[in-house]
N, C-alpha and C. Protein backbone atom coordinates (compact mmCIF):
# COMPACT_ATOMS: atom_id res chain seq x y z
N UNK A 1 -44.43 38.37 -35.90
CA UNK A 1 -43.73 37.63 -34.99
C UNK A 1 -44.01 36.04 -34.66
N UNK A 2 -45.40 35.95 -35.10
CA UNK A 2 -45.61 34.18 -34.73
C UNK A 2 -45.37 33.70 -35.86
N UNK A 3 -44.95 34.15 -37.40
CA UNK A 3 -44.18 33.33 -38.50
C UNK A 3 -42.79 32.98 -37.63
N UNK A 4 -41.97 34.18 -37.14
CA UNK A 4 -40.87 33.75 -36.83
C UNK A 4 -40.55 32.61 -35.99
N UNK A 5 -41.59 32.62 -34.66
CA UNK A 5 -41.37 31.61 -33.88
C UNK A 5 -41.88 30.59 -34.58
N UNK A 6 -42.94 29.96 -35.56
CA UNK A 6 -43.12 28.88 -35.89
C UNK A 6 -42.14 28.59 -36.79
N UNK A 7 -41.39 29.47 -37.43
CA UNK A 7 -40.14 28.97 -38.14
C UNK A 7 -39.07 28.43 -37.63
N UNK A 8 -38.75 28.84 -36.23
CA UNK A 8 -37.54 28.52 -34.98
C UNK A 8 -38.22 27.12 -34.92
N UNK A 9 -39.53 27.22 -34.29
CA UNK A 9 -40.06 25.66 -33.80
C UNK A 9 -39.54 24.27 -34.99
N UNK A 10 -40.02 24.63 -36.09
CA UNK A 10 -40.33 23.97 -37.26
C UNK A 10 -38.68 23.54 -37.44
N UNK A 11 -37.45 24.88 -37.77
CA UNK A 11 -36.21 24.36 -37.97
C UNK A 11 -35.70 23.62 -36.57
N UNK A 12 -36.18 23.52 -35.32
CA UNK A 12 -35.52 23.09 -34.17
C UNK A 12 -35.99 21.38 -34.20
N UNK A 13 -36.92 21.24 -34.74
CA UNK A 13 -38.14 20.16 -34.72
C UNK A 13 -37.26 19.14 -35.88
N UNK A 14 -37.02 19.78 -36.98
CA UNK A 14 -36.27 19.03 -38.11
C UNK A 14 -35.04 18.70 -37.68
N UNK A 15 -34.00 19.51 -36.86
CA UNK A 15 -32.81 19.49 -36.80
C UNK A 15 -32.48 18.33 -35.68
N UNK A 16 -33.48 18.30 -34.40
CA UNK A 16 -33.45 17.25 -33.30
C UNK A 16 -32.98 15.92 -33.85
N UNK A 17 -34.00 15.27 -34.97
CA UNK A 17 -33.81 13.56 -35.46
C UNK A 17 -32.07 13.61 -35.76
N UNK A 18 -31.75 14.61 -36.77
CA UNK A 18 -30.37 14.70 -37.45
C UNK A 18 -29.42 14.41 -36.48
N UNK A 19 -29.37 15.39 -35.20
CA UNK A 19 -28.40 15.60 -34.54
C UNK A 19 -28.44 14.11 -33.43
N UNK A 20 -29.47 13.50 -33.16
CA UNK A 20 -29.48 12.36 -32.54
C UNK A 20 -29.04 11.34 -33.20
N UNK A 21 -29.20 11.31 -34.66
CA UNK A 21 -28.59 10.13 -35.34
C UNK A 21 -27.27 10.17 -35.50
N UNK A 22 -26.72 11.75 -35.83
CA UNK A 22 -25.26 12.10 -35.93
C UNK A 22 -24.26 11.48 -34.76
N UNK A 23 -25.02 11.80 -33.21
CA UNK A 23 -24.26 11.58 -32.02
C UNK A 23 -24.37 10.00 -32.04
N UNK A 24 -25.15 9.38 -32.21
CA UNK A 24 -25.08 7.84 -32.21
C UNK A 24 -24.20 7.48 -32.93
N UNK A 25 -23.48 7.78 -34.16
CA UNK A 25 -22.63 6.95 -35.01
C UNK A 25 -21.22 7.90 -34.83
N UNK A 26 -20.30 6.58 -34.30
CA UNK A 26 -19.19 6.43 -34.68
C UNK A 26 -18.24 5.86 -35.55
N UNK A 27 -16.94 6.77 -35.75
CA UNK A 27 -16.30 5.79 -36.95
C UNK A 27 -15.10 5.47 -36.49
N UNK A 28 -13.94 4.53 -36.59
CA UNK A 28 -12.97 3.94 -36.03
C UNK A 28 -12.95 2.98 -35.36
N UNK A 29 -11.76 2.78 -34.73
CA UNK A 29 -11.74 1.59 -33.56
C UNK A 29 -12.24 1.96 -32.10
N UNK A 30 -12.31 3.34 -32.01
CA UNK A 30 -12.36 3.64 -30.28
C UNK A 30 -13.62 2.95 -30.04
N UNK A 31 -13.54 2.72 -28.64
CA UNK A 31 -15.33 2.47 -28.16
C UNK A 31 -15.80 3.34 -27.92
N UNK A 32 -17.67 3.25 -28.92
CA UNK A 32 -18.33 4.71 -28.77
C UNK A 32 -19.22 4.92 -27.55
N UNK A 33 -18.67 4.23 -26.55
CA UNK A 33 -19.11 4.62 -25.24
C UNK A 33 -17.97 5.09 -24.45
N UNK A 34 -17.76 6.80 -23.75
CA UNK A 34 -17.00 7.17 -22.97
C UNK A 34 -17.25 6.40 -21.59
N UNK A 35 -15.87 6.30 -20.85
CA UNK A 35 -15.55 5.87 -19.57
C UNK A 35 -14.97 6.50 -18.86
N UNK A 36 -15.46 6.90 -17.66
CA UNK A 36 -14.39 8.03 -17.00
C UNK A 36 -14.04 7.73 -15.50
N UNK A 37 -12.77 8.30 -15.14
CA UNK A 37 -12.27 8.10 -14.09
C UNK A 37 -12.21 9.02 -12.92
N UNK A 38 -11.85 8.61 -12.02
CA UNK A 38 -11.88 9.43 -10.76
C UNK A 38 -10.14 9.55 -10.72
N UNK A 39 -9.78 10.85 -10.40
CA UNK A 39 -8.19 10.55 -10.13
C UNK A 39 -8.15 11.52 -8.58
N UNK A 40 -7.27 10.67 -7.76
CA UNK A 40 -6.92 11.24 -6.75
C UNK A 40 -5.54 12.32 -6.64
N UNK A 41 -5.53 12.76 -5.00
CA UNK A 41 -4.67 14.03 -5.49
C UNK A 41 -3.11 13.63 -5.31
N UNK A 42 -2.99 12.05 -5.08
CA UNK A 42 -1.64 11.46 -4.83
C UNK A 42 -1.35 11.06 -5.79
N UNK A 43 -1.96 11.13 -7.09
CA UNK A 43 -1.55 10.46 -8.37
C UNK A 43 -0.39 11.35 -8.94
N UNK A 44 0.62 10.57 -9.66
CA UNK A 44 1.61 11.22 -10.40
C UNK A 44 1.22 11.68 -11.80
N UNK A 45 1.04 12.86 -12.44
CA UNK A 45 0.86 13.48 -13.45
C UNK A 45 2.08 13.51 -14.61
N UNK A 46 2.10 13.19 -15.72
CA UNK A 46 2.96 13.58 -16.49
C UNK A 46 4.02 14.81 -16.71
N UNK A 47 2.90 16.13 -16.51
CA UNK A 47 3.22 17.46 -16.51
C UNK A 47 4.14 17.40 -15.14
N UNK A 48 4.08 16.47 -14.11
CA UNK A 48 5.23 16.77 -12.95
C UNK A 48 6.54 16.09 -13.11
N UNK A 49 6.18 14.89 -14.13
CA UNK A 49 7.25 14.32 -14.09
C UNK A 49 8.49 14.73 -15.15
N UNK A 50 7.75 15.22 -16.58
CA UNK A 50 8.72 16.08 -17.44
C UNK A 50 9.27 17.23 -16.64
N UNK A 51 10.87 17.16 -16.75
CA UNK A 51 11.61 18.24 -16.36
C UNK A 51 12.40 18.12 -14.57
N UNK A 52 11.51 17.13 -14.12
CA UNK A 52 12.22 16.57 -12.85
C UNK A 52 13.71 16.38 -12.81
N UNK A 53 14.59 16.58 -12.15
CA UNK A 53 15.83 16.25 -12.08
C UNK A 53 15.80 15.06 -11.05
N UNK A 54 16.50 14.09 -11.60
CA UNK A 54 17.25 12.93 -11.25
C UNK A 54 18.52 12.94 -10.44
N UNK A 55 18.43 12.69 -9.41
CA UNK A 55 19.82 12.80 -8.47
C UNK A 55 20.19 11.33 -8.15
N UNK A 56 21.35 11.16 -8.16
CA UNK A 56 21.98 9.84 -7.70
C UNK A 56 22.25 9.86 -5.97
N UNK A 57 22.92 8.89 -5.69
CA UNK A 57 22.91 8.27 -3.86
C UNK A 57 23.87 9.38 -3.50
N UNK A 58 24.69 10.23 -4.10
CA UNK A 58 25.32 11.25 -3.93
C UNK A 58 24.92 12.53 -3.64
N UNK A 59 23.26 12.63 -4.10
CA UNK A 59 22.50 14.08 -4.16
C UNK A 59 23.13 14.82 -5.26
N UNK A 60 23.59 14.21 -6.36
CA UNK A 60 24.31 14.86 -7.25
C UNK A 60 23.02 14.64 -9.03
N UNK A 61 23.02 15.96 -9.35
CA UNK A 61 21.93 16.00 -10.27
C UNK A 61 22.88 15.05 -11.46
N UNK A 62 22.28 13.81 -11.85
CA UNK A 62 22.86 13.26 -12.96
C UNK A 62 22.07 13.70 -14.28
N UNK A 63 20.60 13.70 -14.53
CA UNK A 63 19.70 14.42 -15.46
C UNK A 63 18.55 14.77 -15.30
N UNK A 64 17.78 14.77 -16.39
CA UNK A 64 16.73 15.63 -16.12
C UNK A 64 15.57 14.33 -16.92
N UNK A 65 14.48 14.46 -16.60
CA UNK A 65 13.40 13.77 -17.19
C UNK A 65 13.01 14.52 -18.54
N UNK A 66 12.93 14.57 -19.46
CA UNK A 66 12.54 14.95 -20.82
C UNK A 66 11.27 14.70 -21.61
N UNK A 67 11.05 13.43 -21.57
CA UNK A 67 10.45 12.71 -22.17
C UNK A 67 9.78 11.35 -21.53
N UNK A 68 8.83 11.00 -22.11
CA UNK A 68 8.27 9.14 -21.62
C UNK A 68 7.78 8.98 -22.69
N UNK A 69 8.19 7.55 -22.85
CA UNK A 69 7.71 6.87 -24.09
C UNK A 69 6.85 5.49 -23.72
N UNK A 70 5.66 5.40 -24.42
CA UNK A 70 4.76 4.64 -23.93
C UNK A 70 4.59 3.46 -25.08
N UNK A 71 4.45 2.20 -24.72
CA UNK A 71 4.18 1.12 -25.40
C UNK A 71 2.90 0.38 -24.73
N UNK A 72 2.00 -0.16 -25.74
CA UNK A 72 1.41 -1.07 -25.10
C UNK A 72 0.18 -0.26 -23.78
N UNK A 73 -0.11 1.03 -23.48
CA UNK A 73 -0.65 1.71 -22.62
C UNK A 73 0.22 1.32 -21.20
N UNK A 74 1.69 1.31 -21.65
CA UNK A 74 2.33 1.35 -20.36
C UNK A 74 3.82 2.12 -20.82
N UNK A 75 4.12 2.47 -19.77
CA UNK A 75 5.44 3.43 -19.70
C UNK A 75 6.80 2.57 -19.70
N UNK A 76 7.11 2.70 -21.11
CA UNK A 76 8.43 1.69 -21.74
C UNK A 76 9.62 2.26 -21.07
N UNK A 77 9.73 3.53 -21.26
CA UNK A 77 11.13 4.21 -20.89
C UNK A 77 11.11 5.52 -20.44
N UNK A 78 11.88 6.26 -19.51
CA UNK A 78 11.88 7.60 -19.42
C UNK A 78 13.09 8.34 -20.04
N UNK A 79 12.56 9.04 -21.00
CA UNK A 79 13.81 9.69 -21.89
C UNK A 79 14.57 10.78 -21.10
N UNK A 80 16.11 11.06 -20.55
CA UNK A 80 16.57 11.74 -19.87
C UNK A 80 17.80 12.47 -20.83
N UNK A 81 17.78 14.10 -20.29
CA UNK A 81 18.76 14.74 -20.65
C UNK A 81 19.90 14.72 -19.90
N UNK A 82 21.13 14.41 -20.42
CA UNK A 82 22.19 14.29 -19.76
C UNK A 82 23.66 14.84 -20.49
N UNK A 83 24.59 15.39 -19.60
CA UNK A 83 25.43 15.91 -20.02
C UNK A 83 25.82 17.20 -20.82
N UNK A 84 25.07 18.02 -20.45
CA UNK A 84 24.87 19.23 -21.56
C UNK A 84 24.66 20.07 -20.03
N UNK A 85 24.79 21.53 -20.40
CA UNK A 85 24.98 22.81 -20.02
C UNK A 85 24.01 23.66 -20.27
N UNK A 86 23.00 24.45 -19.61
CA UNK A 86 22.13 25.01 -20.15
C UNK A 86 21.69 24.69 -21.66
N UNK A 87 21.43 23.37 -22.27
CA UNK A 87 21.24 23.36 -23.42
C UNK A 87 21.91 22.76 -24.29
N UNK A 88 23.38 23.19 -24.37
CA UNK A 88 24.81 23.16 -24.94
C UNK A 88 25.31 21.69 -24.67
N UNK A 89 25.42 20.83 -25.62
CA UNK A 89 26.05 19.31 -25.30
C UNK A 89 25.53 18.30 -24.85
N UNK A 90 24.01 18.72 -24.52
CA UNK A 90 23.10 17.52 -23.81
C UNK A 90 22.90 16.28 -25.09
N UNK A 91 22.79 15.49 -24.48
CA UNK A 91 22.04 14.14 -25.52
C UNK A 91 21.26 13.29 -24.43
N UNK A 92 20.51 12.36 -25.32
CA UNK A 92 19.17 11.70 -24.44
C UNK A 92 19.68 10.33 -24.43
N UNK A 93 19.27 9.76 -23.23
CA UNK A 93 19.29 8.32 -23.32
C UNK A 93 17.92 7.71 -22.73
N UNK A 94 17.59 6.94 -23.01
CA UNK A 94 16.45 5.91 -22.51
C UNK A 94 16.36 5.07 -21.45
N UNK A 95 16.09 5.34 -20.32
CA UNK A 95 16.00 4.42 -19.11
C UNK A 95 14.77 3.90 -18.94
N UNK A 96 15.16 2.68 -17.94
CA UNK A 96 13.74 1.91 -17.75
C UNK A 96 13.13 2.31 -16.82
N UNK A 97 11.93 2.86 -16.68
CA UNK A 97 11.28 3.42 -15.27
C UNK A 97 11.42 2.31 -14.35
N UNK A 98 11.91 1.54 -14.13
CA UNK A 98 12.14 0.93 -12.68
C UNK A 98 13.30 1.02 -12.21
N UNK A 99 14.23 1.71 -12.92
CA UNK A 99 15.96 1.99 -12.64
C UNK A 99 15.50 3.98 -12.06
N UNK A 100 14.03 4.01 -12.07
CA UNK A 100 14.43 5.56 -11.37
C UNK A 100 13.46 5.24 -10.48
N UNK A 101 13.38 5.61 -9.01
CA UNK A 101 12.62 5.70 -7.90
C UNK A 101 12.14 7.36 -7.94
N UNK A 102 10.98 7.49 -7.89
CA UNK A 102 10.18 8.63 -7.81
C UNK A 102 9.08 8.79 -6.86
N UNK A 103 9.11 9.40 -5.79
CA UNK A 103 8.62 9.65 -4.76
C UNK A 103 7.98 10.98 -4.31
N UNK A 104 7.06 11.16 -3.66
CA UNK A 104 6.50 12.56 -3.11
C UNK A 104 6.96 12.72 -1.46
N UNK A 105 8.06 14.09 -1.70
CA UNK A 105 8.34 14.40 -0.24
C UNK A 105 7.08 15.30 0.02
N UNK A 106 6.85 14.83 0.80
CA UNK A 106 5.18 15.23 1.72
C UNK A 106 5.92 16.75 2.26
N UNK A 107 6.74 17.00 3.08
CA UNK A 107 7.38 17.98 3.95
C UNK A 107 7.81 18.73 2.95
N UNK A 108 8.22 18.89 1.57
CA UNK A 108 8.77 19.80 0.61
C UNK A 108 8.03 20.26 -0.18
N UNK A 109 6.50 19.23 -0.51
CA UNK A 109 5.63 19.00 -1.33
C UNK A 109 5.98 19.18 -2.66
N UNK A 110 7.21 18.37 -2.93
CA UNK A 110 7.59 18.02 -4.11
C UNK A 110 8.00 16.82 -4.66
N UNK A 111 7.77 16.40 -5.72
CA UNK A 111 8.14 15.24 -6.26
C UNK A 111 9.73 14.93 -6.47
N UNK A 112 10.30 13.67 -5.95
CA UNK A 112 12.08 13.46 -6.15
C UNK A 112 12.39 12.44 -6.91
N UNK A 113 13.20 12.47 -8.06
CA UNK A 113 13.79 11.24 -8.87
C UNK A 113 14.82 10.90 -8.42
N UNK A 114 15.13 9.49 -8.03
CA UNK A 114 16.49 8.66 -7.89
C UNK A 114 16.61 8.15 -8.74
N UNK A 115 17.86 7.91 -8.80
CA UNK A 115 18.55 6.84 -9.62
C UNK A 115 19.95 6.08 -9.19
N UNK A 116 20.27 5.00 -9.15
CA UNK A 116 21.54 4.45 -8.74
C UNK A 116 22.28 4.40 -9.71
N UNK A 117 23.12 5.78 -10.01
CA UNK A 117 23.81 5.75 -11.36
C UNK A 117 24.92 7.46 -11.03
N UNK A 118 26.05 7.07 -11.91
CA UNK A 118 26.55 8.48 -11.89
C UNK A 118 26.57 9.02 -13.18
N UNK A 119 26.81 10.58 -13.44
CA UNK A 119 27.25 11.10 -14.39
C UNK A 119 27.74 10.45 -15.60
N UNK A 120 28.91 10.04 -15.14
CA UNK A 120 29.68 9.39 -15.90
C UNK A 120 29.36 8.21 -16.78
N UNK A 121 28.27 7.38 -16.12
CA UNK A 121 27.57 6.31 -16.35
C UNK A 121 26.54 6.49 -17.42
N UNK A 122 25.78 7.36 -17.21
CA UNK A 122 24.90 8.16 -18.25
C UNK A 122 25.34 8.68 -19.35
N UNK A 123 26.48 9.32 -19.26
CA UNK A 123 27.01 9.91 -20.35
C UNK A 123 27.83 8.53 -21.49
N UNK A 124 28.00 7.67 -20.52
CA UNK A 124 28.93 6.62 -21.72
C UNK A 124 27.41 5.47 -22.22
N UNK A 125 26.20 5.95 -21.59
CA UNK A 125 25.28 5.20 -22.34
C UNK A 125 24.62 5.19 -23.46
N UNK A 126 24.07 4.02 -24.29
CA UNK A 126 23.69 4.41 -25.53
C UNK A 126 22.78 5.68 -25.89
N UNK A 127 23.40 6.45 -26.56
CA UNK A 127 22.35 7.57 -27.32
C UNK A 127 21.01 7.33 -27.30
N UNK A 128 19.95 7.79 -27.06
CA UNK A 128 18.72 7.68 -27.91
C UNK A 128 18.22 9.02 -28.66
N UNK A 129 18.05 8.55 -29.80
CA UNK A 129 17.51 9.42 -30.91
C UNK A 129 15.80 9.15 -31.31
N UNK A 130 15.58 10.14 -31.65
CA UNK A 130 13.97 10.27 -31.61
C UNK A 130 13.87 9.53 -33.13
N UNK A 131 13.05 8.68 -33.19
CA UNK A 131 12.76 8.44 -34.53
C UNK A 131 11.85 9.23 -35.83
N UNK A 132 12.30 9.42 -36.63
CA UNK A 132 11.91 10.17 -37.72
C UNK A 132 10.32 9.94 -38.27
């Protein structure tokens, strides 16, 4: 029993410097030290944005947010699904995030997206195709 305890302590002592050295070494271009943030309850999450229906000034549903394009750490475009019914005949368009007003309806506790456009205008917009 003493031998088992001695072997365990010896292995732990030998492994400790190797683990410490491995943890201090990083590869790639990411910063070596993690920085943490706090997130407030009123912040928007991409999981809430994706799948959000967009309505126009007449409260007609004109599209649905299906994806988010990010460039240089900023939202570059919202990818909308338009013109389809139950996934048939739909196509995608990319719109500027500035053209979509996203607010939180406190009374109903849900996110609302509004855009000043029509279904026909979005159907006529240039089609977005995902890069290969």
